[in-house]
Amino acid sequence: MSQPDANTGRKRARRVSTSLSEINVIPLVDVMLVLLIIFMVAAPMLQKGVEVNLPVARRADKLTNTQPLYVTIPTSYRQDRRVYIDDDGIPIEVLAERMRQALDGRSDKQVFLRGDGAVMLQEMMDVFGRLKEAGVEKIGIVAQERRAGQ
């Protein structure tokens, strides 16, 4: 039989050991929360795409009403240093001022640059720099599509 406890005078009951078949979920929840935070922070960094300046719908009406500006660099640029704004031939030295006048009052500060195939890259970059000086925000380079057999 069981011996009485010296302090309380009661008899001690025999302990029956039962096996614990429950999972301690506290560490599991902690690990899952840490993984959730890691994935939430890492997910935006993994998304890659092409950066595009999307058009704004409110400005679409204004863009269709204005004619695009074309700056043309002919082959004769090396000799006379003249470029053409639409069909008006001007010296390169006054290009920045003429472009400021042409862009004054326009909502889009965009110019299309057409260069002859024989024009060197340095000459085109010279005109490009003058256009940026004049406050042109976007410069598009115009090219022809290559046809089959060329």
Protein backbone atom coordinates (compact mmCIF):
# COMPACT_ATOMS: atom_id res chain seq x y z
CA MET A 1 0.00 0.00 0.00
CA SER A 2 0.90 3.65 -0.29
CA GLN A 3 2.70 5.45 2.49
CA PRO A 4 1.10 8.58 3.98
CA ASP A 5 2.75 11.89 3.13
CA ALA A 6 4.67 13.36 6.07
CA ASN A 7 3.42 16.93 5.50
CA THR A 8 -0.26 16.43 4.74
CA GLY A 9 -1.00 13.04 6.17
CA ARG A 10 -2.70 11.90 3.01
CA LYS A 11 -1.87 8.88 1.05
CA ARG A 12 -0.07 9.38 -2.23
CA ALA A 13 -1.79 8.13 -5.29
CA ARG A 14 0.20 6.26 -7.85
CA ARG A 15 0.86 8.32 -10.96
CA VAL A 16 -0.25 6.82 -14.15
CA SER A 17 1.91 8.03 -16.99
CA THR A 18 0.04 8.61 -20.22
CA SER A 19 1.81 9.24 -23.48
CA LEU A 20 1.23 12.67 -24.97
CA SER A 21 0.09 12.34 -28.54
CA GLU A 22 -0.58 16.06 -29.07
CA ILE A 23 1.67 18.27 -31.22
CA ASN A 24 2.94 21.41 -29.62
CA VAL A 25 1.64 24.00 -32.14
CA ILE A 26 3.27 27.12 -30.67
CA PRO A 27 6.67 26.60 -32.38
CA LEU A 28 4.90 25.58 -35.57
CA VAL A 29 2.89 28.83 -35.62
CA ASP A 30 6.03 30.86 -34.89
CA VAL A 31 7.89 29.28 -37.81
CA MET A 32 4.94 29.77 -40.15
CA LEU A 33 4.64 33.46 -39.23
CA VAL A 34 8.34 34.04 -39.84
CA LEU A 35 8.09 32.35 -43.24
CA LEU A 36 5.02 34.41 -44.11
CA ILE A 37 6.86 37.64 -43.31
CA ILE A 38 9.89 36.56 -45.36
CA PHE A 39 7.72 35.78 -48.39
CA MET A 40 5.76 39.03 -48.04
CA VAL A 41 8.99 41.03 -48.06
CA ALA A 42 10.65 39.02 -50.85
CA ALA A 43 7.69 38.78 -53.25
CA PRO A 44 7.75 42.40 -54.50
CA MET A 45 11.49 42.13 -55.13
CA LEU A 46 11.04 39.08 -57.35
CA GLN A 47 8.57 40.74 -59.68
CA LYS A 48 10.38 42.03 -62.72
CA GLY A 49 8.93 43.64 -65.76
CA VAL A 50 9.47 46.14 -68.50
CA GLU A 51 9.27 49.75 -67.43
CA VAL A 52 6.88 51.59 -69.69
CA ASN A 53 5.60 55.15 -69.64
CA LEU A 54 1.93 54.45 -70.07
CA PRO A 55 -0.18 57.13 -71.76
CA VAL A 56 -2.60 59.14 -69.66
CA ALA A 57 -6.18 59.11 -70.89
CA ARG A 58 -6.89 62.78 -70.18
CA ARG A 59 -4.02 63.92 -72.38
CA ALA A 60 -4.96 61.69 -75.31
CA ASP A 61 -7.22 64.36 -76.83
CA LYS A 62 -4.49 66.98 -76.67
CA LEU A 63 -1.91 64.70 -78.29
CA THR A 64 -4.11 63.94 -81.27
CA ASN A 65 -4.74 67.63 -81.99
CA THR A 66 -1.08 68.64 -82.20
CA GLN A 67 1.12 67.70 -85.11
CA PRO A 68 4.35 65.91 -84.19
CA LEU A 69 7.59 67.81 -84.66
CA TYR A 70 10.19 66.20 -86.90
CA VAL A 71 13.86 67.18 -86.89
CA THR A 72 15.70 65.82 -89.93
CA ILE A 73 19.47 65.46 -90.27
CA PRO A 74 20.37 65.19 -93.97
CA THR A 75 23.60 63.83 -95.44
CA SER A 76 24.68 67.42 -96.19
CA TYR A 77 24.88 68.13 -92.43
CA ARG A 78 28.67 67.61 -92.45
CA GLN A 79 29.21 70.44 -94.95
CA ASP A 80 26.61 73.08 -94.03
CA ARG A 81 25.66 72.05 -90.44
CA ARG A 82 21.96 72.60 -91.19
CA VAL A 83 19.06 70.55 -89.85
CA TYR A 84 15.41 70.74 -90.78
CA ILE A 85 12.50 71.32 -88.40
CA ASP A 86 9.71 69.84 -90.49
CA ASP A 87 10.62 71.50 -93.86
CA ASP A 88 12.40 74.60 -92.52
CA GLY A 89 16.22 74.42 -92.81
CA ILE A 90 18.10 76.08 -89.94
CA PRO A 91 21.74 76.18 -88.75
CA ILE A 92 22.54 73.90 -85.81
CA GLU A 93 23.59 76.89 -83.69
CA VAL A 94 20.00 78.20 -83.51
CA LEU A 95 18.30 74.81 -83.16
CA ALA A 96 17.83 75.09 -79.38
CA GLU A 97 16.17 78.50 -79.61
CA ARG A 98 13.91 77.49 -82.52
CA MET A 99 12.84 74.34 -80.66
CA ARG A 100 12.00 76.38 -77.55
CA GLN A 101 9.76 78.57 -79.73
CA ALA A 102 8.17 75.57 -81.44
CA LEU A 103 7.49 73.80 -78.13
CA ASP A 104 6.12 76.89 -76.39
CA GLY A 105 2.49 76.27 -75.51
CA ARG A 106 2.56 72.59 -76.39
CA SER A 107 1.54 70.03 -73.80
CA ASP A 108 3.83 67.35 -75.22
CA LYS A 109 7.53 68.11 -75.38
CA GLN A 110 8.20 65.32 -77.86
CA VAL A 111 10.26 65.43 -81.06
CA PHE A 112 10.93 62.78 -83.68
CA LEU A 113 14.50 62.70 -84.97
CA ARG A 114 15.10 61.47 -88.53
CA GLY A 115 18.66 60.94 -89.59
CA ASP A 116 19.97 59.86 -92.95
CA GLY A 117 21.62 56.44 -92.97
CA ALA A 118 24.97 58.03 -93.80
CA VAL A 119 24.90 60.39 -90.80
CA MET A 120 27.45 59.45 -88.16
CA LEU A 121 26.43 58.72 -84.60
CA GLN A 122 28.46 61.67 -83.27
CA GLU A 123 26.57 64.07 -85.53
CA MET A 124 23.25 62.63 -84.40
CA MET A 125 24.30 62.90 -80.73
CA ASP A 126 25.22 66.56 -81.30
CA VAL A 127 21.69 67.28 -82.52
CA PHE A 128 20.28 65.11 -79.70
CA GLY A 129 22.13 67.24 -77.12
CA ARG A 130 20.87 70.49 -78.63
CA LEU A 131 17.30 69.18 -78.48
CA LYS A 132 17.68 68.29 -74.81
CA GLU A 133 19.11 71.79 -74.23
CA ALA A 134 15.91 73.21 -75.70
CA GLY A 135 13.74 71.39 -73.16
CA VAL A 136 12.60 68.43 -75.25
CA GLU A 137 11.49 65.69 -72.84
CA LYS A 138 11.16 62.76 -75.23
CA ILE A 139 13.03 62.16 -78.48
CA GLY A 140 11.94 59.37 -80.78
CA ILE A 141 14.27 58.11 -83.49
CA VAL A 142 12.47 57.34 -86.73
CA ALA A 143 13.58 54.38 -88.84
CA GLN A 144 12.19 52.45 -91.76
CA GLU A 145 11.26 48.81 -91.50
CA ARG A 146 13.67 46.48 -93.24
CA ARG A 147 12.04 44.77 -96.19
CA ALA A 148 12.67 41.18 -97.19
CA GLY A 149 15.72 40.83 -99.42
CA GLN A 150 17.50 43.96 -98.14
